[in-house]
């Protein structure tokens, strides 16, 4: 690997680390989301999405337990 290839690879790793990798210490946001955006709003949105997924999973589990009958709707 020559200097330019190494430089390109390091740049790629840094882009991934800052733009794609979610960090536990930043509440599982990427650094770019955390420092350039409004992390409080992003966290509220993500928590709402997580809760919606949980509700869907609960509904699926209840449907399986009841032999295919639904127990209600999830919005």
Protein backbone atom coordinates (compact mmCIF):
# COMPACT_ATOMS: atom_id res chain seq x y z
CA UNK A 1 0.00 0.00 0.00
CA UNK A 2 1.46 3.36 -0.96
CA UNK A 3 0.99 6.70 0.79
CA UNK A 4 -2.05 7.79 -1.29
CA UNK A 5 -3.81 4.46 -0.75
CA UNK A 6 -3.16 4.66 2.99
CA UNK A 7 -4.42 8.24 3.09
CA UNK A 8 -7.57 7.24 1.22
CA UNK A 9 -8.20 4.29 3.54
CA UNK A 10 -7.76 6.41 6.67
CA UNK A 11 -10.18 9.00 5.24
CA UNK A 12 -12.73 6.25 4.56
CA UNK A 13 -12.43 4.94 8.13
CA UNK A 14 -12.84 8.43 9.60
CA UNK A 15 -15.94 9.08 7.44
CA UNK A 16 -17.46 5.81 8.59
CA UNK A 17 -16.63 6.52 12.24
CA UNK A 18 -18.14 10.02 12.16
CA UNK A 19 -21.08 9.53 9.79
CA UNK A 20 -22.28 5.93 10.10
CA UNK A 21 -21.08 4.29 13.32
CA UNK A 22 -23.46 4.76 16.24
CA UNK A 23 -21.68 5.45 19.52
CA UNK A 24 -23.02 4.22 22.89
CA UNK A 25 -21.63 7.28 24.67
CA UNK A 26 -23.68 9.49 22.32
CA UNK A 27 -26.94 7.60 23.00
CA UNK A 28 -26.38 5.51 19.85
CA UNK A 29 -26.31 8.51 17.54
CA UNK A 30 -23.48 9.10 15.10
CA UNK A 31 -21.07 11.91 16.00
CA UNK A 32 -22.33 13.99 13.07
CA UNK A 33 -25.94 13.58 14.25
CA UNK A 34 -25.04 14.41 17.82
CA UNK A 35 -22.85 17.45 17.25
CA UNK A 36 -24.40 18.97 14.11
CA UNK A 37 -28.05 18.32 14.77
CA UNK A 38 -30.41 18.51 17.68
CA UNK A 39 -29.76 15.29 19.62
CA UNK A 40 -32.76 15.73 21.92
CA UNK A 41 -35.17 15.76 18.98
CA UNK A 42 -33.43 12.80 17.33
CA UNK A 43 -33.62 10.82 20.57
CA UNK A 44 -37.35 11.52 20.94
CA UNK A 45 -37.98 10.44 17.34
CA UNK A 46 -35.92 7.28 17.77
CA UNK A 47 -37.64 6.39 21.05
CA UNK A 48 -41.04 6.77 19.35
CA UNK A 49 -39.90 4.47 16.54
CA UNK A 50 -38.61 1.92 19.05
CA UNK A 51 -41.88 2.00 20.98
CA UNK A 52 -43.86 1.51 17.77
CA UNK A 53 -41.73 -1.55 16.93
CA UNK A 54 -42.22 -2.92 20.45
CA UNK A 55 -45.99 -2.54 20.10
CA UNK A 56 -45.92 -4.36 16.76
CA UNK A 57 -43.88 -7.20 18.27
CA UNK A 58 -46.30 -7.47 21.21
CA UNK A 59 -49.20 -7.66 18.76
CA UNK A 60 -47.42 -10.35 16.71
CA UNK A 61 -46.71 -12.36 19.86
CA UNK A 62 -50.32 -12.08 21.03
CA UNK A 63 -51.53 -13.14 17.58
CA UNK A 64 -49.33 -16.25 17.68
CA UNK A 65 -50.50 -17.14 21.18
CA UNK A 66 -54.15 -16.83 20.18
CA UNK A 67 -53.70 -19.07 17.14
CA UNK A 68 -53.80 -16.32 14.55
CA UNK A 69 -56.49 -14.09 16.00
CA UNK A 70 -55.57 -10.45 16.39
CA UNK A 71 -56.05 -8.75 19.73
CA UNK A 72 -56.46 -5.21 18.43
CA UNK A 73 -54.78 -2.71 16.21
CA UNK A 74 -51.46 -1.02 16.68
CA UNK A 75 -50.98 2.42 15.23
